[in-house]
Amino acid sequence: SVDDKVDHPVSLYAATKKSNELMAHAYAKLYDIPCTGLRFFTVYGPA
């Protein structure tokens, strides 16, 4: 759930994505930028 704590990444990739969420929150707060983050789950399909 998006309400779960996400403080224990197990890869650098995951850590960078969590960092993106924190950075976006800071910029939304400081500069009133409407931001929405989307946590994708194992996307597949053609191409």
All heavy atoms as atom14 arrays in JSON, in Angstrom:
{
  "sequence": "SVDDKVDHPVSLYAATKKSNELMAHAYAKLYDIPCTGLRFFTVYGPA",
  "atom14_mask": [
    [1, 1, 1, 1, 1, 1, 0, 0, 0, 0, 0, 0, 0, 0],
    [1, 1, 1, 1, 1, 1, 1, 0, 0, 0, 0, 0, 0, 0],
    [1, 1, 1, 1, 1, 1, 1, 1, 0, 0, 0, 0, 0, 0],
    [1, 1, 1, 1, 1, 1, 1, 1, 0, 0, 0, 0, 0, 0],
    [1, 1, 1, 1, 1, 1, 1, 1, 1, 0, 0, 0, 0, 0],
    [1, 1, 1, 1, 1, 1, 1, 0, 0, 0, 0, 0, 0, 0],
    [1, 1, 1, 1, 1, 1, 1, 1, 0, 0, 0, 0, 0, 0],
    [1, 1, 1, 1, 1, 1, 1, 1, 1, 1, 0, 0, 0, 0],
    [1, 1, 1, 1, 1, 1, 1, 0, 0, 0, 0, 0, 0, 0],
    [1, 1, 1, 1, 1, 1, 1, 0, 0, 0, 0, 0, 0, 0],
    [1, 1, 1, 1, 1, 1, 0, 0, 0, 0, 0, 0, 0, 0],
    [1, 1, 1, 1, 1, 1, 1, 1, 0, 0, 0, 0, 0, 0],
    [1, 1, 1, 1, 1, 1, 1, 1, 1, 1, 1, 1, 0, 0],
    [1, 1, 1, 1, 1, 0, 0, 0, 0, 0, 0, 0, 0, 0],
    [1, 1, 1, 1, 1, 0, 0, 0, 0, 0, 0, 0, 0, 0],
    [1, 1, 1, 1, 1, 1, 1, 0, 0, 0, 0, 0, 0, 0],
    [1, 1, 1, 1, 1, 1, 1, 1, 1, 0, 0, 0, 0, 0],
    [1, 1, 1, 1, 1, 1, 1, 1, 1, 0, 0, 0, 0, 0],
    [1, 1, 1, 1, 1, 1, 0, 0, 0, 0, 0, 0, 0, 0],
    [1, 1, 1, 1, 1, 1, 1, 1, 0, 0, 0, 0, 0, 0],
    [1, 1, 1, 1, 1, 1, 1, 1, 1, 0, 0, 0, 0, 0],
    [1, 1, 1, 1, 1, 1, 1, 1, 0, 0, 0, 0, 0, 0],
    [1, 1, 1, 1, 1, 1, 1, 1, 0, 0, 0, 0, 0, 0],
    [1, 1, 1, 1, 1, 0, 0, 0, 0, 0, 0, 0, 0, 0],
    [1, 1, 1, 1, 1, 1, 1, 1, 1, 1, 0, 0, 0, 0],
    [1, 1, 1, 1, 1, 0, 0, 0, 0, 0, 0, 0, 0, 0],
    [1, 1, 1, 1, 1, 1, 1, 1, 1, 1, 1, 1, 0, 0],
    [1, 1, 1, 1, 1, 0, 0, 0, 0, 0, 0, 0, 0, 0],
    [1, 1, 1, 1, 1, 1, 1, 1, 1, 0, 0, 0, 0, 0],
    [1, 1, 1, 1, 1, 1, 1, 1, 0, 0, 0, 0, 0, 0],
    [1, 1, 1, 1, 1, 1, 1, 1, 1, 1, 1, 1, 0, 0],
    [1, 1, 1, 1, 1, 1, 1, 1, 0, 0, 0, 0, 0, 0],
    [1, 1, 1, 1, 1, 1, 1, 1, 0, 0, 0, 0, 0, 0],
    [1, 1, 1, 1, 1, 1, 1, 0, 0, 0, 0, 0, 0, 0],
    [1, 1, 1, 1, 1, 1, 0, 0, 0, 0, 0, 0, 0, 0],
    [1, 1, 1, 1, 1, 1, 1, 0, 0, 0, 0, 0, 0, 0],
    [1, 1, 1, 1, 0, 0, 0, 0, 0, 0, 0, 0, 0, 0],
    [1, 1, 1, 1, 1, 1, 1, 1, 0, 0, 0, 0, 0, 0],
    [1, 1, 1, 1, 1, 1, 1, 1, 1, 1, 1, 0, 0, 0],
    [1, 1, 1, 1, 1, 1, 1, 1, 1, 1, 1, 0, 0, 0],
    [1, 1, 1, 1, 1, 1, 1, 1, 1, 1, 1, 0, 0, 0],
    [1, 1, 1, 1, 1, 1, 1, 0, 0, 0, 0, 0, 0, 0],
    [1, 1, 1, 1, 1, 1, 1, 0, 0, 0, 0, 0, 0, 0],
    [1, 1, 1, 1, 1, 1, 1, 1, 1, 1, 1, 1, 0, 0],
    [1, 1, 1, 1, 0, 0, 0, 0, 0, 0, 0, 0, 0, 0],
    [1, 1, 1, 1, 1, 1, 1, 0, 0, 0, 0, 0, 0, 0],
    [1, 1, 1, 1, 1, 0, 0, 0, 0, 0, 0, 0, 0, 0]
  ],
  "atom14_positions": [
    [[0.84, -1.19, 0.0], [0.0, 0.0, 0.0], [0.88, 1.24, 0.0], [1.97, 1.24, 0.58], [-0.91, 0.0, 1.24], [-1.5, 1.27, 1.43], [0.0, 0.0, 0.0], [0.0, 0.0, 0.0], [0.0, 0.0, 0.0], [0.0, 0.0, 0.0], [0.0, 0.0, 0.0], [0.0, 0.0, 0.0], [0.0, 0.0, 0.0], [0.0, 0.0, 0.0]],
    [[0.38, 2.31, -0.62], [1.14, 3.57, -0.61], [1.26, 4.14, 0.79], [2.06, 5.05, 1.03], [0.5, 4.61, -1.56], [0.65, 4.17, -3.01], [-0.95, 4.87, -1.21], [0.0, 0.0, 0.0], [0.0, 0.0, 0.0], [0.0, 0.0, 0.0], [0.0, 0.0, 0.0], [0.0, 0.0, 0.0], [0.0, 0.0, 0.0], [0.0, 0.0, 0.0]],
    [[0.49, 3.61, 1.74], [0.6, 4.05, 3.13], [1.69, 3.3, 3.9], [2.02, 3.66, 5.03], [-0.74, 3.86, 3.85], [-1.84, 4.74, 3.27], [-1.53, 5.89, 2.89], [-2.99, 4.29, 3.17], [0.0, 0.0, 0.0], [0.0, 0.0, 0.0], [0.0, 0.0, 0.0], [0.0, 0.0, 0.0], [0.0, 0.0, 0.0], [0.0, 0.0, 0.0]],
    [[2.26, 2.25, 3.28], [3.32, 1.49, 3.93], [4.62, 2.3, 3.97], [4.88, 3.12, 3.1], [3.59, 0.18, 3.17], [2.42, -0.77, 3.19], [1.54, -0.62, 4.07], [2.37, -1.66, 2.31], [0.0, 0.0, 0.0], [0.0, 0.0, 0.0], [0.0, 0.0, 0.0], [0.0, 0.0, 0.0], [0.0, 0.0, 0.0], [0.0, 0.0, 0.0]],
    [[5.43, 2.03, 4.98], [6.77, 2.62, 5.01], [7.63, 1.99, 3.93], [7.55, 0.78, 3.69], [7.41, 2.42, 6.39], [6.83, 3.29, 7.49], [7.63, 3.15, 8.77], [7.1, 4.11, 9.84], [7.88, 4.02, 11.09], [0.0, 0.0, 0.0], [0.0, 0.0, 0.0], [0.0, 0.0, 0.0], [0.0, 0.0, 0.0], [0.0, 0.0, 0.0]],
    [[8.45, 2.82, 3.3], [9.33, 2.31, 2.24], [10.75, 2.8, 2.52], [11.38, 3.48, 1.71], [8.85, 2.74, 0.83], [7.64, 1.94, 0.42], [8.52, 4.23, 0.79], [0.0, 0.0, 0.0], [0.0, 0.0, 0.0], [0.0, 0.0, 0.0], [0.0, 0.0, 0.0], [0.0, 0.0, 0.0], [0.0, 0.0, 0.0], [0.0, 0.0, 0.0]],
    [[11.25, 2.43, 3.68], [12.54, 2.92, 4.15], [13.67, 1.91, 4.01], [14.78, 2.17, 4.48], [12.44, 3.33, 5.63], [11.44, 4.44, 5.86], [11.25, 5.26, 4.93], [10.84, 4.48, 6.94], [0.0, 0.0, 0.0], [0.0, 0.0, 0.0], [0.0, 0.0, 0.0], [0.0, 0.0, 0.0], [0.0, 0.0, 0.0], [0.0, 0.0, 0.0]],
    [[13.4, 0.76, 3.38], [14.42, -0.28, 3.34], [14.56, -0.83, 1.92], [14.24, -2.0, 1.66], [14.08, -1.41, 4.32], [13.98, -0.94, 5.74], [12.78, -0.61, 6.33], [14.94, -0.71, 6.67], [13.01, -0.21, 7.58], [14.3, -0.26, 7.81], [0.0, 0.0, 0.0], [0.0, 0.0, 0.0], [0.0, 0.0, 0.0], [0.0, 0.0, 0.0]],
    [[15.06, -0.02, 0.98], [15.27, -0.52, -0.38], [16.33, -1.61, -0.41], [17.27, -1.59, 0.41], [15.74, 0.72, -1.14], [16.34, 1.61, -0.1], [15.53, 1.37, 1.14], [0.0, 0.0, 0.0], [0.0, 0.0, 0.0], [0.0, 0.0, 0.0], [0.0, 0.0, 0.0], [0.0, 0.0, 0.0], [0.0, 0.0, 0.0], [0.0, 0.0, 0.0]],
    [[16.19, -2.54, -1.34], [17.17, -3.63, -1.43], [17.99, -3.53, -2.71], [18.7, -4.48, -3.07], [16.47, -5.01, -1.34], [15.82, -5.19, 0.01], [15.44, -5.18, -2.45], [0.0, 0.0, 0.0], [0.0, 0.0, 0.0], [0.0, 0.0, 0.0], [0.0, 0.0, 0.0], [0.0, 0.0, 0.0], [0.0, 0.0, 0.0], [0.0, 0.0, 0.0]],
    [[17.91, -2.42, -3.42], [18.75, -2.18, -4.59], [18.95, -0.68, -4.75], [18.14, 0.12, -4.25], [18.11, -2.75, -5.86], [16.96, -2.01, -6.22], [0.0, 0.0, 0.0], [0.0, 0.0, 0.0], [0.0, 0.0, 0.0], [0.0, 0.0, 0.0], [0.0, 0.0, 0.0], [0.0, 0.0, 0.0], [0.0, 0.0, 0.0], [0.0, 0.0, 0.0]],
    [[20.01, -0.3, -5.46], [20.23, 1.12, -5.72], [19.1, 1.67, -6.6], [18.68, 2.81, -6.41], [21.58, 1.33, -6.41], [21.9, 2.77, -6.79], [21.98, 3.66, -5.55], [23.19, 2.86, -7.59], [0.0, 0.0, 0.0], [0.0, 0.0, 0.0], [0.0, 0.0, 0.0], [0.0, 0.0, 0.0], [0.0, 0.0, 0.0], [0.0, 0.0, 0.0]],
    [[18.63, 0.88, -7.55], [17.51, 1.32, -8.39], [16.34, 1.74, -7.52], [15.75, 2.8, -7.7], [17.1, 0.19, -9.33], [15.82, 0.46, -10.08], [15.76, 1.44, -11.06], [14.66, -0.27, -9.8], [14.57, 1.7, -11.74], [13.48, -0.03, -10.47], [13.44, 0.96, -11.44], [12.27, 1.21, -12.11], [0.0, 0.0, 0.0], [0.0, 0.0, 0.0]],
    [[15.97, 0.88, -6.55], [14.85, 1.2, -5.66], [15.14, 2.46, -4.86], [14.25, 3.3, -4.65], [14.58, 0.01, -4.73], [0.0, 0.0, 0.0], [0.0, 0.0, 0.0], [0.0, 0.0, 0.0], [0.0, 0.0, 0.0], [0.0, 0.0, 0.0], [0.0, 0.0, 0.0], [0.0, 0.0, 0.0], [0.0, 0.0, 0.0], [0.0, 0.0, 0.0]],
    [[16.36, 2.61, -4.42], [16.73, 3.8, -3.64], [16.58, 5.07, -4.48], [16.14, 6.11, -3.98], [18.16, 3.67, -3.12], [0.0, 0.0, 0.0], [0.0, 0.0, 0.0], [0.0, 0.0, 0.0], [0.0, 0.0, 0.0], [0.0, 0.0, 0.0], [0.0, 0.0, 0.0], [0.0, 0.0, 0.0], [0.0, 0.0, 0.0], [0.0, 0.0, 0.0]],
    [[16.95, 5.0, -5.76], [16.8, 6.2, -6.61], [15.33, 6.53, -6.83], [14.96, 7.72, -6.88], [17.49, 6.03, -7.97], [16.87, 4.97, -8.73], [18.97, 5.74, -7.81], [0.0, 0.0, 0.0], [0.0, 0.0, 0.0], [0.0, 0.0, 0.0], [0.0, 0.0, 0.0], [0.0, 0.0, 0.0], [0.0, 0.0, 0.0], [0.0, 0.0, 0.0]],
    [[14.48, 5.52, -6.93], [13.06, 5.78, -7.14], [12.41, 6.37, -5.89], [11.57, 7.28, -5.97], [12.34, 4.49, -7.57], [12.64, 4.1, -9.01], [12.23, 5.2, -9.96], [12.39, 4.84, -11.41], [11.97, 5.94, -12.31], [0.0, 0.0, 0.0], [0.0, 0.0, 0.0], [0.0, 0.0, 0.0], [0.0, 0.0, 0.0], [0.0, 0.0, 0.0]],
    [[12.8, 5.89, -4.72], [12.32, 6.49, -3.49], [12.83, 7.92, -3.37], [12.11, 8.84, -2.92], [12.76, 5.66, -2.28], [12.36, 6.27, -0.93], [10.86, 6.51, -0.83], [10.49, 7.19, 0.49], [9.06, 7.57, 0.53], [0.0, 0.0, 0.0], [0.0, 0.0, 0.0], [0.0, 0.0, 0.0], [0.0, 0.0, 0.0], [0.0, 0.0, 0.0]],
    [[14.07, 8.14, -3.79], [14.61, 9.5, -3.78], [13.78, 10.42, -4.67], [13.55, 11.59, -4.32], [16.06, 9.49, -4.25], [16.88, 8.73, -3.38], [0.0, 0.0, 0.0], [0.0, 0.0, 0.0], [0.0, 0.0, 0.0], [0.0, 0.0, 0.0], [0.0, 0.0, 0.0], [0.0, 0.0, 0.0], [0.0, 0.0, 0.0], [0.0, 0.0, 0.0]],
    [[13.35, 9.94, -5.82], [12.5, 10.74, -6.7], [11.24, 11.19, -5.99], [10.82, 12.35, -6.11], [12.11, 9.94, -7.95], [13.25, 9.75, -8.93], [13.1, 9.01, -9.9], [14.39, 10.37, -8.7], [0.0, 0.0, 0.0], [0.0, 0.0, 0.0], [0.0, 0.0, 0.0], [0.0, 0.0, 0.0], [0.0, 0.0, 0.0], [0.0, 0.0, 0.0]],
    [[10.63, 10.29, -5.23], [9.4, 10.65, -4.5], [9.68, 11.73, -3.46], [8.89, 12.68, -3.31], [8.81, 9.4, -3.84], [8.33, 8.35, -4.82], [7.72, 7.13, -4.15], [7.61, 7.12, -2.9], [7.37, 6.18, -4.87], [0.0, 0.0, 0.0], [0.0, 0.0, 0.0], [0.0, 0.0, 0.0], [0.0, 0.0, 0.0], [0.0, 0.0, 0.0]],
    [[10.79, 11.61, -2.76], [11.14, 12.61, -1.74], [11.46, 13.96, -2.38], [11.04, 15.01, -1.89], [12.34, 12.12, -0.93], [12.1, 10.87, -0.07], [13.42, 10.38, 0.51], [11.1, 11.15, 1.04], [0.0, 0.0, 0.0], [0.0, 0.0, 0.0], [0.0, 0.0, 0.0], [0.0, 0.0, 0.0], [0.0, 0.0, 0.0], [0.0, 0.0, 0.0]],
    [[12.2, 13.93, -3.49], [12.53, 15.17, -4.19], [11.28, 15.86, -4.72], [11.12, 17.08, -4.6], [13.5, 14.87, -5.34], [14.87, 14.4, -4.88], [15.81, 13.56, -6.19], [16.16, 14.94, -7.28], [0.0, 0.0, 0.0], [0.0, 0.0, 0.0], [0.0, 0.0, 0.0], [0.0, 0.0, 0.0], [0.0, 0.0, 0.0], [0.0, 0.0, 0.0]],
    [[10.37, 15.07, -5.29], [9.14, 15.64, -5.83], [8.29, 16.25, -4.72], [7.69, 17.32, -4.89], [8.34, 14.56, -6.57], [0.0, 0.0, 0.0], [0.0, 0.0, 0.0], [0.0, 0.0, 0.0], [0.0, 0.0, 0.0], [0.0, 0.0, 0.0], [0.0, 0.0, 0.0], [0.0, 0.0, 0.0], [0.0, 0.0, 0.0], [0.0, 0.0, 0.0]],
    [[8.24, 15.59, -3.58], [7.48, 16.14, -2.45], [8.07, 17.47, -2.01], [7.33, 18.44, -1.74], [7.47, 15.15, -1.29], [6.58, 15.58, -0.16], [7.0, 16.47, 0.82], [5.29, 15.27, 0.14], [6.02, 16.67, 1.67], [4.97, 15.96, 1.28], [0.0, 0.0, 0.0], [0.0, 0.0, 0.0], [0.0, 0.0, 0.0], [0.0, 0.0, 0.0]],
    [[9.39, 17.56, -1.94], [10.05, 18.8, -1.52], [9.74, 19.93, -2.5], [9.42, 21.06, -2.09], [11.55, 18.59, -1.41], [0.0, 0.0, 0.0], [0.0, 0.0, 0.0], [0.0, 0.0, 0.0], [0.0, 0.0, 0.0], [0.0, 0.0, 0.0], [0.0, 0.0, 0.0], [0.0, 0.0, 0.0], [0.0, 0.0, 0.0], [0.0, 0.0, 0.0]],
    [[9.8, 19.65, -3.8], [9.53, 20.68, -4.8], [8.05, 21.05, -4.82], [7.7, 22.22, -5.05], [10.0, 20.23, -6.18], [11.43, 20.61, -6.46], [12.48, 19.94, -5.82], [11.75, 21.63, -7.33], [13.8, 20.28, -6.04], [13.08, 21.99, -7.57], [14.09, 21.32, -6.92], [15.41, 21.67, -7.14], [0.0, 0.0, 0.0], [0.0, 0.0, 0.0]],
    [[7.17, 20.08, -4.58], [5.75, 20.39, -4.49], [5.48, 21.34, -3.33], [4.7, 22.3, -3.43], [4.94, 19.1, -4.33], [0.0, 0.0, 0.0], [0.0, 0.0, 0.0], [0.0, 0.0, 0.0], [0.0, 0.0, 0.0], [0.0, 0.0, 0.0], [0.0, 0.0, 0.0], [0.0, 0.0, 0.0], [0.0, 0.0, 0.0], [0.0, 0.0, 0.0]],
    [[6.15, 21.09, -2.21], [5.97, 21.92, -1.02], [6.58, 23.31, -1.21], [5.94, 24.34, -0.92], [6.62, 21.22, 0.18], [6.67, 22.05, 1.46], [5.29, 22.34, 2.02], [5.37, 23.08, 3.35], [4.01, 23.44, 3.84], [0.0, 0.0, 0.0], [0.0, 0.0, 0.0], [0.0, 0.0, 0.0], [0.0, 0.0, 0.0], [0.0, 0.0, 0.0]],
    [[7.81, 23.36, -1.71], [8.53, 24.63, -1.8], [8.01, 25.52, -2.93], [7.96, 26.74, -2.78], [10.02, 24.36, -2.02], [10.79, 23.75, -0.84], [12.17, 23.32, -1.29], [10.88, 24.75, 0.31], [0.0, 0.0, 0.0], [0.0, 0.0, 0.0], [0.0, 0.0, 0.0], [0.0, 0.0, 0.0], [0.0, 0.0, 0.0], [0.0, 0.0, 0.0]],
    [[7.63, 24.9, -4.04], [7.33, 25.7, -5.24], [5.92, 25.47, -5.79], [5.59, 25.93, -6.88], [8.38, 25.41, -6.33], [9.78, 25.56, -5.81], [10.63, 24.45, -5.7], [10.27, 26.8, -5.38], [11.92, 24.58, -5.2], [11.55, 26.93, -4.88], [12.37, 25.82, -4.79], [13.64, 25.96, -4.28], [0.0, 0.0, 0.0], [0.0, 0.0, 0.0]],
    [[5.1, 24.73, -5.02], [3.69, 24.55, -5.38], [3.53, 23.91, -6.75], [2.66, 24.29, -7.54], [2.96, 25.9, -5.34], [1.51, 25.76, -4.87], [1.19, 24.76, -4.22], [0.71, 26.67, -5.18], [0.0, 0.0, 0.0], [0.0, 0.0, 0.0], [0.0, 0.0, 0.0], [0.0, 0.0, 0.0], [0.0, 0.0, 0.0], [0.0, 0.0, 0.0]],
    [[4.38, 22.91, -7.03], [4.31, 22.18, -8.31], [3.42, 20.95, -8.12], [3.75, 20.08, -7.31], [5.71, 21.73, -8.77], [6.65, 22.92, -8.89], [5.61, 20.97, -10.08], [8.1, 22.51, -9.11], [0.0, 0.0, 0.0], [0.0, 0.0, 0.0], [0.0, 0.0, 0.0], [0.0, 0.0, 0.0], [0.0, 0.0, 0.0], [0.0, 0.0, 0.0]],
    [[2.3, 20.84, -8.84], [1.46, 19.64, -8.73], [2.21, 18.42, -9.26], [2.58, 18.37, -10.44], [0.24, 19.96, -9.6], [0.23, 21.46, -9.72], [1.68, 21.86, -9.72], [0.0, 0.0, 0.0], [0.0, 0.0, 0.0], [0.0, 0.0, 0.0], [0.0, 0.0, 0.0], [0.0, 0.0, 0.0], [0.0, 0.0, 0.0], [0.0, 0.0, 0.0]],
    [[2.47, 17.46, -8.39], [3.26, 16.27, -8.73], [2.49, 15.0, -8.37], [1.93, 14.91, -7.27], [4.58, 16.26, -7.97], [5.71, 17.62, -8.3], [0.0, 0.0, 0.0], [0.0, 0.0, 0.0], [0.0, 0.0, 0.0], [0.0, 0.0, 0.0], [0.0, 0.0, 0.0], [0.0, 0.0, 0.0], [0.0, 0.0, 0.0], [0.0, 0.0, 0.0]],
    [[2.54, 14.02, -9.26], [1.98, 12.7, -8.96], [2.98, 11.64, -9.35], [3.45, 11.59, -10.49], [0.67, 12.45, -9.73], [-0.27, 13.48, -9.4], [0.08, 11.1, -9.33], [0.0, 0.0, 0.0], [0.0, 0.0, 0.0], [0.0, 0.0, 0.0], [0.0, 0.0, 0.0], [0.0, 0.0, 0.0], [0.0, 0.0, 0.0], [0.0, 0.0, 0.0]],
    [[3.33, 10.78, -8.39], [4.23, 9.66, -8.64], [3.44, 8.38, -8.83], [2.43, 8.16, -8.16], [0.0, 0.0, 0.0], [0.0, 0.0, 0.0], [0.0, 0.0, 0.0], [0.0, 0.0, 0.0], [0.0, 0.0, 0.0], [0.0, 0.0, 0.0], [0.0, 0.0, 0.0], [0.0, 0.0, 0.0], [0.0, 0.0, 0.0], [0.0, 0.0, 0.0]],
    [[3.91, 7.53, -9.74], [3.23, 6.28, -10.04], [4.18, 5.11, -9.84], [5.23, 5.03, -10.48], [2.71, 6.29, -11.49], [1.69, 7.38, -11.81], [1.36, 7.39, -13.29], [0.43, 7.19, -10.98], [0.0, 0.0, 0.0], [0.0, 0.0, 0.0], [0.0, 0.0, 0.0], [0.0, 0.0, 0.0], [0.0, 0.0, 0.0], [0.0, 0.0, 0.0]],
    [[3.81, 4.22, -8.94], [4.62, 3.03, -8.67], [4.12, 1.9, -9.57], [3.08, 1.29, -9.33], [4.51, 2.64, -7.19], [5.11, 3.68, -6.25], [4.86, 3.34, -4.79], [5.48, 4.33, -3.91], [5.31, 4.38, -2.58], [4.51, 3.48, -1.99], [5.9, 5.31, -1.86], [0.0, 0.0, 0.0], [0.0, 0.0, 0.0], [0.0, 0.0, 0.0]],
    [[4.88, 1.64, -10.64], [4.51, 0.61, -11.61], [4.88, -0.77, -11.08], [5.93, -0.95, -10.46], [5.23, 0.83, -12.94], [4.89, 2.14, -13.61], [5.87, 2.85, -14.28], [3.61, 2.64, -13.59], [5.58, 4.05, -14.92], [3.29, 3.83, -14.23], [4.28, 4.54, -14.89], [0.0, 0.0, 0.0], [0.0, 0.0, 0.0], [0.0, 0.0, 0.0]],
    [[4.04, -1.75, -11.39], [4.27, -3.13, -10.98], [4.46, -4.02, -12.2], [3.52, -4.28, -12.95], [3.09, -3.64, -10.13], [3.11, -3.2, -8.7], [2.87, -1.87, -8.37], [3.37, -4.11, -7.68], [2.89, -1.46, -7.04], [3.39, -3.7, -6.35], [3.15, -2.38, -6.03], [0.0, 0.0, 0.0], [0.0, 0.0, 0.0], [0.0, 0.0, 0.0]],
    [[5.69, -4.48, -12.44], [6.07, -5.49, -13.44], [5.27, -5.36, -14.73], [4.37, -6.15, -15.01], [5.93, -6.92, -12.85], [6.46, -6.96, -11.53], [6.7, -7.92, -13.73], [0.0, 0.0, 0.0], [0.0, 0.0, 0.0], [0.0, 0.0, 0.0], [0.0, 0.0, 0.0], [0.0, 0.0, 0.0], [0.0, 0.0, 0.0], [0.0, 0.0, 0.0]],
    [[5.63, -4.37, -15.52], [4.92, -4.08, -16.76], [5.4, -5.01, -17.87], [6.6, -5.27, -18.01], [5.12, -2.61, -17.17], [4.22, -2.25, -18.34], [4.87, -1.69, -15.98], [0.0, 0.0, 0.0], [0.0, 0.0, 0.0], [0.0, 0.0, 0.0], [0.0, 0.0, 0.0], [0.0, 0.0, 0.0], [0.0, 0.0, 0.0], [0.0, 0.0, 0.0]],
    [[4.46, -5.5, -18.68], [4.82, -6.41, -19.78], [3.91, -6.15, -20.97], [2.89, -5.45, -20.86], [4.7, -7.88, -19.34], [3.27, -8.37, -19.22], [2.72, -9.2, -20.21], [2.46, -8.0, -18.15], [1.41, -9.64, -20.12], [1.16, -8.45, -18.05], [0.63, -9.27, -19.04], [-0.67, -9.69, -18.95], [0.0, 0.0, 0.0], [0.0, 0.0, 0.0]],
    [[4.27, -6.71, -22.12], [3.45, -6.56, -23.31], [4.28, -6.45, -24.57], [5.52, -6.53, -24.53], [0.0, 0.0, 0.0], [0.0, 0.0, 0.0], [0.0, 0.0, 0.0], [0.0, 0.0, 0.0], [0.0, 0.0, 0.0], [0.0, 0.0, 0.0], [0.0, 0.0, 0.0], [0.0, 0.0, 0.0], [0.0, 0.0, 0.0], [0.0, 0.0, 0.0]],
    [[3.64, -6.25, -25.73], [4.34, -6.12, -27.0], [5.34, -4.96, -26.99], [5.08, -3.92, -26.38], [3.21, -5.85, -28.01], [1.98, -6.41, -27.37], [2.17, -6.2, -25.9], [0.0, 0.0, 0.0], [0.0, 0.0, 0.0], [0.0, 0.0, 0.0], [0.0, 0.0, 0.0], [0.0, 0.0, 0.0], [0.0, 0.0, 0.0], [0.0, 0.0, 0.0]],
    [[6.45, -5.16, -27.67], [7.51, -4.14, -27.78], [8.07, -3.77, -26.42], [8.5, -2.64, -26.19], [7.02, -2.91, -28.52], [0.0, 0.0, 0.0], [0.0, 0.0, 0.0], [0.0, 0.0, 0.0], [0.0, 0.0, 0.0], [0.0, 0.0, 0.0], [0.0, 0.0, 0.0], [0.0, 0.0, 0.0], [0.0, 0.0, 0.0], [0.0, 0.0, 0.0]]
  ]
}
